[in-house]
Amino acid sequence: MMIKKDTTQTLRQKDHVKEMRKKLRELGITESSMYSKKENLGKMKNIAWAFFSFFIRQRDFKKYGGKCYTCQKVAESVQDLQAGHYQSRGKAATLYNEINNHAQCRACNHPAIGNGKPRTYSYNLNQEYGEGTSDELYRLSEQYQKNDFWWHLETANKYYEKLKAKEN
């Protein structure tokens, strides 16, 4: 017997995806990854990441004067930076953690070049937020975090609201 997918929930998710893409465009955020051909979960994760990433890059551009968190290279604009993680993006518990994410230049954040520069990143975290911060982020990253469509939707809305508040 074949199990029929809940089409009502799928349609609701598609509506949320459309709504959040509209909000991205409203704020002028363009991320090529948001046009994924993946299922709704993947699409919403990309949208939530687009909002969060822009928030982090904008926050750190102002906070550090456009400097990369790990090499101190100065970027000309927010678009020249990437939201780099101390703990990998694959760790759901720290994916959208604001302490775990900082603006990095493309070279430092690139997997084949700087690979996030984890030693420097760890040192900077401990200097800025207190000794043991990097260890605490590691412990947090190992915890279970439900990684579903609705969690990403909630995150997307949270960072949409934070970005709108900064506009005013």
N, C-alpha and C. Protein backbone atom coordinates (compact mmCIF):
# COMPACT_ATOMS: atom_id res chain seq x y z
N MET A 1 0.83 -1.18 0.00
CA MET A 1 0.00 0.00 0.00
C MET A 1 0.88 1.25 0.00
N MET A 2 0.59 2.18 -0.86
CA MET A 2 1.37 3.41 -0.98
C MET A 2 0.80 4.49 -0.06
N ILE A 3 1.67 5.15 0.68
CA ILE A 3 1.24 6.22 1.59
C ILE A 3 1.21 7.52 0.82
N LYS A 4 0.05 8.18 0.85
CA LYS A 4 -0.12 9.45 0.15
C LYS A 4 0.45 10.60 0.98
N LYS A 5 1.24 11.43 0.36
CA LYS A 5 1.85 12.57 1.04
C LYS A 5 0.76 13.59 1.37
N ASP A 6 0.87 14.21 2.52
CA ASP A 6 -0.10 15.22 2.96
C ASP A 6 0.04 16.46 2.08
N THR A 7 -0.83 16.57 1.08
CA THR A 7 -0.72 17.67 0.11
C THR A 7 -1.08 19.02 0.72
N THR A 8 -1.95 19.03 1.72
CA THR A 8 -2.32 20.29 2.36
C THR A 8 -1.11 20.92 3.04
N GLN A 9 -0.35 20.12 3.78
CA GLN A 9 0.85 20.64 4.44
C GLN A 9 1.88 21.07 3.42
N THR A 10 2.05 20.32 2.36
CA THR A 10 3.01 20.66 1.32
C THR A 10 2.64 22.00 0.67
N LEU A 11 1.35 22.21 0.40
CA LEU A 11 0.91 23.47 -0.18
C LEU A 11 1.13 24.63 0.79
N ARG A 12 0.89 24.40 2.08
CA ARG A 12 1.15 25.45 3.08
C ARG A 12 2.63 25.80 3.12
N GLN A 13 3.49 24.80 3.03
CA GLN A 13 4.92 25.05 3.04
C GLN A 13 5.33 25.85 1.81
N LYS A 14 4.77 25.51 0.65
CA LYS A 14 5.08 26.25 -0.58
C LYS A 14 4.67 27.70 -0.45
N ASP A 15 3.51 27.95 0.18
CA ASP A 15 3.06 29.32 0.39
C ASP A 15 4.04 30.09 1.29
N HIS A 16 4.54 29.43 2.33
CA HIS A 16 5.52 30.07 3.22
C HIS A 16 6.81 30.37 2.47
N VAL A 17 7.24 29.45 1.62
CA VAL A 17 8.45 29.66 0.83
C VAL A 17 8.29 30.90 -0.04
N LYS A 18 7.15 31.02 -0.72
CA LYS A 18 6.89 32.18 -1.58
C LYS A 18 6.90 33.47 -0.77
N GLU A 19 6.24 33.43 0.40
CA GLU A 19 6.16 34.62 1.26
C GLU A 19 7.55 35.06 1.72
N MET A 20 8.38 34.11 2.12
CA MET A 20 9.71 34.45 2.61
C MET A 20 10.61 34.94 1.47
N ARG A 21 10.46 34.39 0.28
CA ARG A 21 11.24 34.89 -0.86
C ARG A 21 10.87 36.34 -1.17
N LYS A 22 9.59 36.65 -1.02
CA LYS A 22 9.13 38.02 -1.23
C LYS A 22 9.79 38.96 -0.21
N LYS A 23 9.90 38.50 1.04
CA LYS A 23 10.54 39.30 2.08
C LYS A 23 12.03 39.49 1.79
N LEU A 24 12.68 38.45 1.25
CA LEU A 24 14.09 38.58 0.87
C LEU A 24 14.26 39.68 -0.17
N ARG A 25 13.42 39.64 -1.20
CA ARG A 25 13.50 40.65 -2.26
C ARG A 25 13.21 42.04 -1.70
N GLU A 26 12.26 42.13 -0.77
CA GLU A 26 11.89 43.40 -0.16
C GLU A 26 13.09 44.05 0.52
N LEU A 27 13.95 43.24 1.13
CA LEU A 27 15.13 43.76 1.81
C LEU A 27 16.33 43.87 0.89
N GLY A 28 16.17 43.47 -0.37
CA GLY A 28 17.26 43.56 -1.33
C GLY A 28 18.31 42.48 -1.16
N ILE A 29 17.95 41.38 -0.50
CA ILE A 29 18.89 40.28 -0.30
C ILE A 29 18.78 39.34 -1.48
N THR A 30 19.89 39.14 -2.16
CA THR A 30 19.89 38.20 -3.27
C THR A 30 20.91 37.12 -3.00
N GLU A 31 20.45 35.92 -2.91
CA GLU A 31 21.31 34.76 -2.69
C GLU A 31 20.92 33.73 -3.74
N SER A 32 21.86 33.33 -4.57
CA SER A 32 21.54 32.36 -5.62
C SER A 32 21.06 31.04 -5.03
N SER A 33 21.51 30.71 -3.82
CA SER A 33 21.12 29.44 -3.21
C SER A 33 19.64 29.38 -2.86
N MET A 34 18.97 30.55 -2.82
CA MET A 34 17.56 30.53 -2.44
C MET A 34 16.68 29.95 -3.55
N TYR A 35 17.22 29.77 -4.74
CA TYR A 35 16.43 29.22 -5.83
C TYR A 35 16.69 27.74 -6.03
N SER A 36 16.84 27.05 -4.94
CA SER A 36 17.13 25.63 -4.94
C SER A 36 15.95 24.84 -5.53
N LYS A 37 16.26 23.73 -6.15
CA LYS A 37 15.23 22.84 -6.68
C LYS A 37 14.86 21.77 -5.66
N LYS A 38 15.36 21.91 -4.44
CA LYS A 38 15.12 20.92 -3.39
C LYS A 38 13.67 20.97 -2.93
N GLU A 39 13.33 20.02 -2.07
CA GLU A 39 12.02 20.01 -1.44
C GLU A 39 11.86 21.26 -0.57
N ASN A 40 10.67 21.46 -0.04
CA ASN A 40 10.37 22.65 0.74
C ASN A 40 11.32 22.86 1.93
N LEU A 41 11.74 21.78 2.59
CA LEU A 41 12.66 21.91 3.72
C LEU A 41 13.95 22.57 3.26
N GLY A 42 14.52 22.09 2.17
CA GLY A 42 15.76 22.66 1.65
C GLY A 42 15.59 24.10 1.23
N LYS A 43 14.46 24.41 0.62
CA LYS A 43 14.20 25.78 0.19
C LYS A 43 14.10 26.71 1.38
N MET A 44 13.37 26.28 2.42
CA MET A 44 13.21 27.13 3.60
C MET A 44 14.53 27.28 4.34
N LYS A 45 15.34 26.23 4.37
CA LYS A 45 16.65 26.32 5.01
C LYS A 45 17.51 27.35 4.29
N ASN A 46 17.48 27.35 2.96
CA ASN A 46 18.24 28.33 2.18
C ASN A 46 17.75 29.75 2.42
N ILE A 47 16.45 29.91 2.53
CA ILE A 47 15.87 31.23 2.78
C ILE A 47 16.25 31.72 4.17
N ALA A 48 16.12 30.84 5.18
CA ALA A 48 16.50 31.22 6.54
C ALA A 48 17.98 31.59 6.59
N TRP A 49 18.80 30.82 5.87
CA TRP A 49 20.23 31.12 5.85
C TRP A 49 20.49 32.47 5.18
N ALA A 50 19.76 32.79 4.14
CA ALA A 50 19.95 34.07 3.46
C ALA A 50 19.68 35.24 4.42
N PHE A 51 18.59 35.16 5.19
CA PHE A 51 18.29 36.21 6.17
C PHE A 51 19.36 36.26 7.25
N PHE A 52 19.69 35.09 7.82
CA PHE A 52 20.66 35.03 8.91
C PHE A 52 22.04 35.51 8.45
N SER A 53 22.48 35.02 7.31
CA SER A 53 23.79 35.39 6.77
C SER A 53 23.89 36.90 6.56
N PHE A 54 22.85 37.48 5.99
CA PHE A 54 22.86 38.93 5.76
C PHE A 54 22.90 39.68 7.08
N PHE A 55 22.14 39.18 8.07
CA PHE A 55 22.14 39.80 9.39
C PHE A 55 23.55 39.78 9.99
N ILE A 56 24.22 38.63 9.95
CA ILE A 56 25.56 38.48 10.52
C ILE A 56 26.56 39.40 9.80
N ARG A 57 26.52 39.38 8.47
CA ARG A 57 27.46 40.21 7.70
C ARG A 57 27.23 41.69 7.97
N GLN A 58 25.98 42.09 8.04
CA GLN A 58 25.65 43.49 8.31
C GLN A 58 26.07 43.88 9.73
N ARG A 59 25.77 43.00 10.70
CA ARG A 59 26.14 43.26 12.10
C ARG A 59 27.65 43.46 12.22
N ASP A 60 28.41 42.52 11.65
CA ASP A 60 29.86 42.56 11.81
C ASP A 60 30.52 43.64 10.95
N PHE A 61 29.91 43.98 9.83
CA PHE A 61 30.47 45.07 9.02
C PHE A 61 30.47 46.36 9.85
N LYS A 62 29.38 46.58 10.58
CA LYS A 62 29.29 47.78 11.44
C LYS A 62 30.15 47.62 12.68
N LYS A 63 30.08 46.45 13.31
CA LYS A 63 30.77 46.22 14.59
C LYS A 63 32.30 46.25 14.45
N TYR A 64 32.81 45.66 13.39
CA TYR A 64 34.27 45.55 13.22
C TYR A 64 34.80 46.43 12.09
N GLY A 65 33.98 47.31 11.58
CA GLY A 65 34.43 48.22 10.52
C GLY A 65 34.75 47.52 9.22
N GLY A 66 34.04 46.44 8.94
CA GLY A 66 34.25 45.72 7.69
C GLY A 66 35.40 44.73 7.71
N LYS A 67 36.01 44.52 8.89
CA LYS A 67 37.15 43.60 8.99
C LYS A 67 36.70 42.15 9.07
N CYS A 68 37.46 41.28 8.41
CA CYS A 68 37.27 39.84 8.51
C CYS A 68 37.55 39.42 9.95
N TYR A 69 36.75 38.53 10.50
CA TYR A 69 36.90 38.11 11.90
C TYR A 69 38.22 37.39 12.15
N THR A 70 38.78 36.76 11.11
CA THR A 70 39.98 35.96 11.33
C THR A 70 41.27 36.59 10.80
N CYS A 71 41.24 37.31 9.70
CA CYS A 71 42.50 37.86 9.15
C CYS A 71 42.56 39.39 9.22
N GLN A 72 41.45 40.02 9.58
CA GLN A 72 41.37 41.48 9.72
C GLN A 72 41.42 42.24 8.40
N LYS A 73 41.35 41.53 7.28
CA LYS A 73 41.30 42.20 5.97
C LYS A 73 40.00 43.01 5.92
N VAL A 74 40.08 44.24 5.42
CA VAL A 74 38.92 45.12 5.39
C VAL A 74 38.16 44.95 4.07
N ALA A 75 36.87 44.69 4.19
CA ALA A 75 36.00 44.55 3.02
C ALA A 75 35.41 45.91 2.66
N GLU A 76 35.14 46.08 1.37
CA GLU A 76 34.55 47.34 0.93
C GLU A 76 33.06 47.43 1.22
N SER A 77 32.38 46.28 1.23
CA SER A 77 30.94 46.27 1.48
C SER A 77 30.53 44.97 2.16
N VAL A 78 29.30 44.94 2.63
CA VAL A 78 28.73 43.76 3.27
C VAL A 78 28.76 42.57 2.31
N GLN A 79 28.55 42.83 1.02
CA GLN A 79 28.52 41.76 0.02
C GLN A 79 29.88 41.10 -0.18
N ASP A 80 30.96 41.75 0.24
CA ASP A 80 32.30 41.18 0.12
C ASP A 80 32.62 40.21 1.24
N LEU A 81 31.72 40.10 2.21
CA LEU A 81 31.93 39.21 3.35
C LEU A 81 31.02 37.99 3.27
N GLN A 82 31.38 36.96 4.00
CA GLN A 82 30.56 35.76 4.13
C GLN A 82 30.33 35.51 5.61
N ALA A 83 29.24 34.84 5.94
CA ALA A 83 28.98 34.48 7.33
C ALA A 83 29.69 33.16 7.60
N GLY A 84 30.82 33.25 8.28
CA GLY A 84 31.61 32.07 8.59
C GLY A 84 31.22 31.49 9.93
N HIS A 85 31.35 30.17 10.04
CA HIS A 85 31.01 29.45 11.27
C HIS A 85 32.27 28.99 11.99
N TYR A 86 32.21 28.97 13.31
CA TYR A 86 33.25 28.29 14.07
C TYR A 86 32.94 26.79 14.04
N GLN A 87 31.75 26.42 14.48
CA GLN A 87 31.29 25.04 14.34
C GLN A 87 30.56 24.93 13.00
N SER A 88 30.75 23.85 12.32
CA SER A 88 30.25 23.64 10.97
C SER A 88 28.76 23.93 10.80
N ARG A 89 28.39 24.36 9.59
CA ARG A 89 26.98 24.57 9.24
C ARG A 89 26.18 23.29 9.35
N GLY A 90 26.85 22.17 9.29
CA GLY A 90 26.17 20.88 9.39
C GLY A 90 25.67 20.57 10.79
N LYS A 91 26.10 21.35 11.76
CA LYS A 91 25.67 21.15 13.16
C LYS A 91 24.45 22.05 13.40
N ALA A 92 23.27 21.45 13.40
CA ALA A 92 22.03 22.21 13.48
C ALA A 92 21.94 23.06 14.75
N ALA A 93 22.45 22.56 15.86
CA ALA A 93 22.32 23.28 17.13
C ALA A 93 23.04 24.63 17.13
N THR A 94 24.06 24.78 16.29
CA THR A 94 24.79 26.05 16.25
C THR A 94 24.68 26.74 14.89
N LEU A 95 23.84 26.21 14.03
CA LEU A 95 23.69 26.76 12.68
C LEU A 95 23.37 28.25 12.71
N TYR A 96 22.38 28.63 13.51
CA TYR A 96 21.95 30.03 13.57
C TYR A 96 22.36 30.70 14.89
N ASN A 97 23.42 30.24 15.49
CA ASN A 97 23.91 30.81 16.74
C ASN A 97 24.75 32.04 16.41
N GLU A 98 24.39 33.18 16.95
CA GLU A 98 25.05 34.43 16.60
C GLU A 98 26.50 34.51 17.08
N ILE A 99 26.83 33.80 18.16
CA ILE A 99 28.21 33.79 18.63
C ILE A 99 29.05 32.86 17.76
N ASN A 100 28.44 31.84 17.21
CA ASN A 100 29.14 30.87 16.36
C ASN A 100 29.40 31.40 14.95
N ASN A 101 28.79 32.50 14.59
CA ASN A 101 28.88 33.04 13.23
C ASN A 101 29.41 34.47 13.23
N HIS A 102 30.39 34.70 12.36
CA HIS A 102 30.96 36.04 12.20
C HIS A 102 31.32 36.26 10.74
N ALA A 103 31.41 37.50 10.37
CA ALA A 103 31.76 37.85 8.99
C ALA A 103 33.23 37.52 8.73
N GLN A 104 33.44 36.80 7.63
CA GLN A 104 34.80 36.47 7.20
C GLN A 104 34.95 36.82 5.73
N CYS A 105 36.19 37.09 5.34
CA CYS A 105 36.44 37.30 3.91
C CYS A 105 36.31 35.95 3.20
N ARG A 106 36.15 36.00 1.90
CA ARG A 106 35.96 34.77 1.14
C ARG A 106 37.15 33.81 1.27
N ALA A 107 38.35 34.37 1.32
CA ALA A 107 39.55 33.51 1.41
C ALA A 107 39.57 32.75 2.73
N CYS A 108 39.30 33.42 3.83
CA CYS A 108 39.32 32.74 5.13
C CYS A 108 38.21 31.69 5.23
N ASN A 109 37.05 32.00 4.68
CA ASN A 109 35.91 31.11 4.82
C ASN A 109 35.90 29.98 3.78
N HIS A 110 36.69 30.08 2.74
CA HIS A 110 36.68 29.09 1.67
C HIS A 110 37.28 27.77 2.16
N PRO A 111 36.57 26.64 1.92
CA PRO A 111 37.04 25.34 2.43
C PRO A 111 38.42 24.93 1.92
N ALA A 112 38.76 25.30 0.71
CA ALA A 112 40.04 24.87 0.14
C ALA A 112 41.19 25.83 0.47
N ILE A 113 40.86 27.04 0.94
CA ILE A 113 41.91 28.03 1.19
C ILE A 113 42.12 28.20 2.70
N GLY A 114 41.18 28.84 3.36
CA GLY A 114 41.33 29.11 4.80
C GLY A 114 40.60 28.12 5.68
N ASN A 115 39.62 27.45 5.12
CA ASN A 115 38.80 26.48 5.85
C ASN A 115 38.24 27.05 7.15
N GLY A 116 37.95 28.34 7.16
CA GLY A 116 37.38 28.98 8.33
C GLY A 116 38.40 29.44 9.35
N LYS A 117 39.67 29.07 9.17
CA LYS A 117 40.75 29.39 10.10
C LYS A 117 40.34 29.11 11.54
N PRO A 118 40.08 27.84 11.87
CA PRO A 118 39.51 27.50 13.18
C PRO A 118 40.36 27.91 14.38
N ARG A 119 41.68 27.86 14.29
CA ARG A 119 42.51 28.25 15.44
C ARG A 119 42.38 29.74 15.75
N THR A 120 42.45 30.54 14.70
CA THR A 120 42.31 31.99 14.88
C THR A 120 40.90 32.33 15.34
N TYR A 121 39.91 31.66 14.73
CA TYR A 121 38.51 31.88 15.09
C TYR A 121 38.30 31.57 16.57
N SER A 122 38.82 30.42 17.02
CA SER A 122 38.70 30.01 18.42
C SER A 122 39.34 31.03 19.35
N TYR A 123 40.53 31.48 19.01
CA TYR A 123 41.24 32.48 19.81
C TYR A 123 40.40 33.76 19.91
N ASN A 124 39.89 34.23 18.78
CA ASN A 124 39.10 35.46 18.76
C ASN A 124 37.81 35.33 19.56
N LEU A 125 37.16 34.16 19.46
CA LEU A 125 35.94 33.92 20.25
C LEU A 125 36.23 34.02 21.74
N ASN A 126 37.31 33.35 22.16
CA ASN A 126 37.66 33.34 23.58
C ASN A 126 38.08 34.73 24.07
N GLN A 127 38.72 35.51 23.21
CA GLN A 127 39.10 36.88 23.58
C GLN A 127 37.87 37.77 23.70
N GLU A 128 36.94 37.63 22.75
CA GLU A 128 35.78 38.53 22.72
C GLU A 128 34.69 38.16 23.71
N TYR A 129 34.40 36.87 23.84
CA TYR A 129 33.25 36.43 24.66
C TYR A 129 33.65 35.76 25.97
N GLY A 130 34.94 35.59 26.20
CA GLY A 130 35.40 34.97 27.44
C GLY A 130 36.01 33.60 27.20
N GLU A 131 37.00 33.28 28.02
CA GLU A 131 37.69 31.99 27.91
C GLU A 131 36.70 30.84 28.01
N GLY A 132 36.85 29.87 27.14
CA GLY A 132 35.99 28.70 27.14
C GLY A 132 34.81 28.78 26.18
N THR A 133 34.66 29.93 25.51
CA THR A 133 33.54 30.10 24.58
C THR A 133 33.60 29.09 23.44
N SER A 134 34.78 28.88 22.89
CA SER A 134 34.90 27.93 21.77
C SER A 134 34.58 26.52 22.23
N ASP A 135 35.00 26.15 23.44
CA ASP A 135 34.67 24.82 23.98
C ASP A 135 33.16 24.68 24.19
N GLU A 136 32.54 25.74 24.68
CA GLU A 136 31.09 25.71 24.91
C GLU A 136 30.34 25.56 23.59
N LEU A 137 30.80 26.25 22.54
CA LEU A 137 30.17 26.12 21.23
C LEU A 137 30.31 24.69 20.70
N TYR A 138 31.45 24.07 20.95
CA TYR A 138 31.64 22.68 20.55
C TYR A 138 30.63 21.78 21.26
N ARG A 139 30.50 21.94 22.59
CA ARG A 139 29.53 21.14 23.35
C ARG A 139 28.11 21.37 22.84
N LEU A 140 27.78 22.61 22.60
CA LEU A 140 26.44 22.95 22.10
C LEU A 140 26.19 22.32 20.72
N SER A 141 27.22 22.34 19.88
CA SER A 141 27.06 21.81 18.51
C SER A 141 26.77 20.32 18.49
N GLU A 142 27.14 19.62 19.55
CA GLU A 142 26.93 18.17 19.62
C GLU A 142 25.53 17.80 20.12
N GLN A 143 24.75 18.78 20.53
CA GLN A 143 23.39 18.52 21.02
C GLN A 143 22.43 18.38 19.85
N TYR A 144 21.35 17.67 20.09
CA TYR A 144 20.33 17.47 19.06
C TYR A 144 19.50 18.73 18.89
N GLN A 145 19.22 19.08 17.66
CA GLN A 145 18.33 20.19 17.33
C GLN A 145 17.40 19.73 16.23
N LYS A 146 16.11 19.81 16.47
CA LYS A 146 15.15 19.44 15.44
C LYS A 146 15.37 20.35 14.23
N ASN A 147 15.50 19.75 13.08
CA ASN A 147 15.87 20.47 11.87
C ASN A 147 14.75 20.29 10.85
N ASP A 148 13.63 20.98 11.06
CA ASP A 148 12.50 20.79 10.15
C ASP A 148 12.09 22.12 9.49
N PHE A 149 11.16 22.01 8.59
CA PHE A 149 10.68 23.17 7.84
C PHE A 149 10.27 24.30 8.78
N TRP A 150 9.52 24.01 9.82
CA TRP A 150 8.94 25.04 10.69
C TRP A 150 10.01 25.74 11.52
N TRP A 151 11.05 25.03 11.90
CA TRP A 151 12.17 25.64 12.63
C TRP A 151 12.88 26.65 11.73
N HIS A 152 13.11 26.30 10.47
CA HIS A 152 13.75 27.22 9.55
C HIS A 152 12.84 28.41 9.24
N LEU A 153 11.54 28.17 9.13
CA LEU A 153 10.59 29.26 8.89
C LEU A 153 10.62 30.25 10.06
N GLU A 154 10.61 29.72 11.29
CA GLU A 154 10.66 30.57 12.47
C GLU A 154 11.96 31.40 12.49
N THR A 155 13.06 30.77 12.12
CA THR A 155 14.34 31.47 12.08
C THR A 155 14.34 32.55 11.01
N ALA A 156 13.79 32.22 9.84
CA ALA A 156 13.71 33.20 8.75
C ALA A 156 12.91 34.42 9.19
N ASN A 157 11.78 34.20 9.83
CA ASN A 157 10.96 35.30 10.32
C ASN A 157 11.67 36.13 11.39
N LYS A 158 12.38 35.45 12.28
CA LYS A 158 13.12 36.14 13.35
C LYS A 158 14.15 37.10 12.76
N TYR A 159 14.92 36.64 11.78
CA TYR A 159 15.97 37.50 11.23
C TYR A 159 15.42 38.50 10.22
N TYR A 160 14.30 38.21 9.63
CA TYR A 160 13.61 39.21 8.80
C TYR A 160 13.22 40.39 9.69
N GLU A 161 12.64 40.08 10.85
CA GLU A 161 12.21 41.13 11.78
C GLU A 161 13.41 41.92 12.31
N LYS A 162 14.51 41.26 12.62
CA LYS A 162 15.71 41.96 13.10
C LYS A 162 16.27 42.89 12.02
N LEU A 163 16.26 42.43 10.78
CA LEU A 163 16.76 43.26 9.69
C LEU A 163 15.84 44.45 9.44
N LYS A 164 14.53 44.23 9.50
CA LYS A 164 13.58 45.33 9.34
C LYS A 164 13.76 46.37 10.45
N ALA A 165 13.98 45.91 11.67
CA ALA A 165 14.17 46.82 12.79
C ALA A 165 15.42 47.68 12.61
N LYS A 166 16.47 47.11 12.01
CA LYS A 166 17.71 47.87 11.77
C LYS A 166 17.52 48.92 10.69
N GLU A 167 16.57 48.68 9.77
CA GLU A 167 16.29 49.65 8.70
C GLU A 167 15.72 50.94 9.27
N ASN A 168 14.93 50.80 10.32
CA ASN A 168 14.22 51.96 10.90
C ASN A 168 15.06 52.76 11.83
